[in-house]
Amino acid sequence: MPYDIKKNGPENKPWCVYDDKGKNRGCSTSRELAISHMRALYHAHAGGKFTKKE
């Protein structure tokens, strides 16, 4: 499932991640955070597991 980042969100979170159907998967305050968000979505989609940082 491809994701895309667009700068079209609200002023406080302008960087948004969209899936291939055009659904907004969340917005971030910076492009760097949006890229991290997109990477997490790819990881989860591939069946990856997340661990808690202590």
N, C-alpha and C. Protein backbone atom coordinates (compact mmCIF):
# COMPACT_ATOMS: atom_id res chain seq x y z
N MET A 1 0.85 -1.18 0.00
CA MET A 1 0.00 0.00 0.00
C MET A 1 0.89 1.23 0.00
N PRO A 2 0.94 1.97 -1.08
CA PRO A 2 1.77 3.17 -1.12
C PRO A 2 1.15 4.33 -0.33
N TYR A 3 2.01 5.10 0.26
CA TYR A 3 1.59 6.29 1.00
C TYR A 3 2.23 7.51 0.36
N ASP A 4 1.63 8.66 0.59
CA ASP A 4 2.12 9.91 0.03
C ASP A 4 2.03 10.99 1.09
N ILE A 5 2.96 11.92 1.05
CA ILE A 5 2.96 13.05 1.98
C ILE A 5 2.63 14.31 1.20
N LYS A 6 1.68 15.07 1.74
CA LYS A 6 1.29 16.34 1.11
C LYS A 6 1.26 17.43 2.18
N LYS A 7 1.63 18.62 1.78
CA LYS A 7 1.56 19.77 2.69
C LYS A 7 0.25 20.50 2.43
N ASN A 8 -0.82 19.95 3.01
CA ASN A 8 -2.14 20.55 2.80
C ASN A 8 -3.02 20.46 4.05
N GLY A 9 -2.40 20.25 5.20
CA GLY A 9 -3.16 20.15 6.45
C GLY A 9 -3.38 21.51 7.08
N PRO A 10 -3.94 21.51 8.27
CA PRO A 10 -4.17 22.78 8.98
C PRO A 10 -2.84 23.44 9.35
N GLU A 11 -2.90 24.69 9.69
CA GLU A 11 -1.69 25.47 9.98
C GLU A 11 -0.81 24.84 11.05
N ASN A 12 -1.41 24.24 12.09
CA ASN A 12 -0.60 23.68 13.18
C ASN A 12 -0.04 22.29 12.85
N LYS A 13 -0.58 21.61 11.83
CA LYS A 13 -0.08 20.29 11.39
C LYS A 13 -0.23 20.19 9.88
N PRO A 14 0.65 20.89 9.14
CA PRO A 14 0.46 20.99 7.69
C PRO A 14 0.87 19.76 6.88
N TRP A 15 1.71 18.88 7.43
CA TRP A 15 2.23 17.73 6.68
C TRP A 15 1.37 16.50 6.93
N CYS A 16 0.65 16.03 5.89
CA CYS A 16 -0.29 14.92 6.04
C CYS A 16 0.14 13.71 5.22
N VAL A 17 -0.15 12.53 5.76
CA VAL A 17 0.13 11.27 5.08
C VAL A 17 -1.19 10.71 4.56
N TYR A 18 -1.19 10.31 3.28
CA TYR A 18 -2.38 9.75 2.64
C TYR A 18 -2.08 8.35 2.11
N ASP A 19 -3.09 7.49 2.17
CA ASP A 19 -2.93 6.16 1.59
C ASP A 19 -3.28 6.20 0.11
N ASP A 20 -3.20 5.05 -0.56
CA ASP A 20 -3.42 5.01 -2.00
C ASP A 20 -4.87 5.27 -2.42
N LYS A 21 -5.78 5.27 -1.45
CA LYS A 21 -7.18 5.58 -1.75
C LYS A 21 -7.51 7.05 -1.46
N GLY A 22 -6.49 7.81 -1.03
CA GLY A 22 -6.67 9.23 -0.75
C GLY A 22 -7.14 9.52 0.67
N LYS A 23 -7.17 8.49 1.53
CA LYS A 23 -7.61 8.70 2.92
C LYS A 23 -6.47 9.29 3.74
N ASN A 24 -6.79 10.33 4.47
CA ASN A 24 -5.82 10.97 5.35
C ASN A 24 -5.53 10.03 6.52
N ARG A 25 -4.25 9.69 6.69
CA ARG A 25 -3.84 8.78 7.75
C ARG A 25 -3.22 9.54 8.93
N GLY A 26 -3.27 10.86 8.89
CA GLY A 26 -2.78 11.69 9.99
C GLY A 26 -1.87 12.79 9.50
N CYS A 27 -1.79 13.86 10.29
CA CYS A 27 -0.97 15.01 9.94
C CYS A 27 0.06 15.28 11.03
N SER A 28 1.16 15.92 10.65
CA SER A 28 2.27 16.19 11.56
C SER A 28 2.70 17.64 11.47
N THR A 29 3.46 18.06 12.47
CA THR A 29 3.94 19.44 12.52
C THR A 29 5.13 19.68 11.61
N SER A 30 5.84 18.62 11.20
CA SER A 30 7.00 18.79 10.32
C SER A 30 7.03 17.67 9.29
N ARG A 31 7.77 17.91 8.23
CA ARG A 31 7.91 16.88 7.19
C ARG A 31 8.64 15.66 7.76
N GLU A 32 9.63 15.90 8.60
CA GLU A 32 10.39 14.80 9.21
C GLU A 32 9.48 13.88 10.03
N LEU A 33 8.56 14.46 10.80
CA LEU A 33 7.62 13.65 11.57
C LEU A 33 6.65 12.91 10.66
N ALA A 34 6.25 13.55 9.56
CA ALA A 34 5.35 12.89 8.61
C ALA A 34 6.05 11.69 7.96
N ILE A 35 7.35 11.83 7.67
CA ILE A 35 8.11 10.71 7.11
C ILE A 35 8.19 9.57 8.12
N SER A 36 8.42 9.90 9.39
CA SER A 36 8.45 8.87 10.44
C SER A 36 7.10 8.18 10.55
N HIS A 37 6.04 8.94 10.45
CA HIS A 37 4.68 8.39 10.49
C HIS A 37 4.46 7.44 9.31
N MET A 38 4.87 7.87 8.12
CA MET A 38 4.72 7.05 6.94
C MET A 38 5.53 5.75 7.07
N ARG A 39 6.73 5.84 7.58
CA ARG A 39 7.55 4.63 7.79
C ARG A 39 6.87 3.67 8.77
N ALA A 40 6.28 4.22 9.81
CA ALA A 40 5.57 3.37 10.78
C ALA A 40 4.37 2.68 10.13
N LEU A 41 3.67 3.38 9.25
CA LEU A 41 2.54 2.78 8.55
C LEU A 41 3.01 1.64 7.64
N TYR A 42 4.12 1.84 6.92
CA TYR A 42 4.66 0.78 6.08
C TYR A 42 5.08 -0.42 6.94
N HIS A 43 5.70 -0.15 8.07
CA HIS A 43 6.15 -1.20 8.98
C HIS A 43 4.96 -2.02 9.49
N ALA A 44 3.92 -1.33 9.92
CA ALA A 44 2.72 -2.01 10.43
C ALA A 44 2.03 -2.80 9.32
N HIS A 45 1.97 -2.23 8.13
CA HIS A 45 1.33 -2.91 7.01
C HIS A 45 2.07 -4.20 6.64
N ALA A 46 3.38 -4.20 6.83
CA ALA A 46 4.19 -5.38 6.51
C ALA A 46 4.16 -6.43 7.62
N GLY A 47 3.42 -6.13 8.70
CA GLY A 47 3.31 -7.09 9.79
C GLY A 47 4.34 -6.89 10.87
N GLY A 48 5.06 -5.78 10.83
CA GLY A 48 6.08 -5.50 11.83
C GLY A 48 5.47 -5.22 13.19
N LYS A 49 6.27 -5.48 14.21
CA LYS A 49 5.81 -5.23 15.58
C LYS A 49 6.56 -4.03 16.14
N PHE A 50 5.88 -3.33 17.03
CA PHE A 50 6.47 -2.18 17.69
C PHE A 50 6.79 -2.55 19.13
N THR A 51 7.88 -2.02 19.64
CA THR A 51 8.23 -2.25 21.03
C THR A 51 8.24 -0.92 21.77
N LYS A 52 8.00 -0.99 23.06
CA LYS A 52 8.01 0.22 23.88
C LYS A 52 9.43 0.66 24.15
N LYS A 53 9.68 1.95 24.04
CA LYS A 53 10.97 2.52 24.40
C LYS A 53 10.95 2.85 25.87
N GLU A 54 11.95 2.42 26.59
CA GLU A 54 11.99 2.72 28.04
C GLU A 54 12.98 3.78 28.35
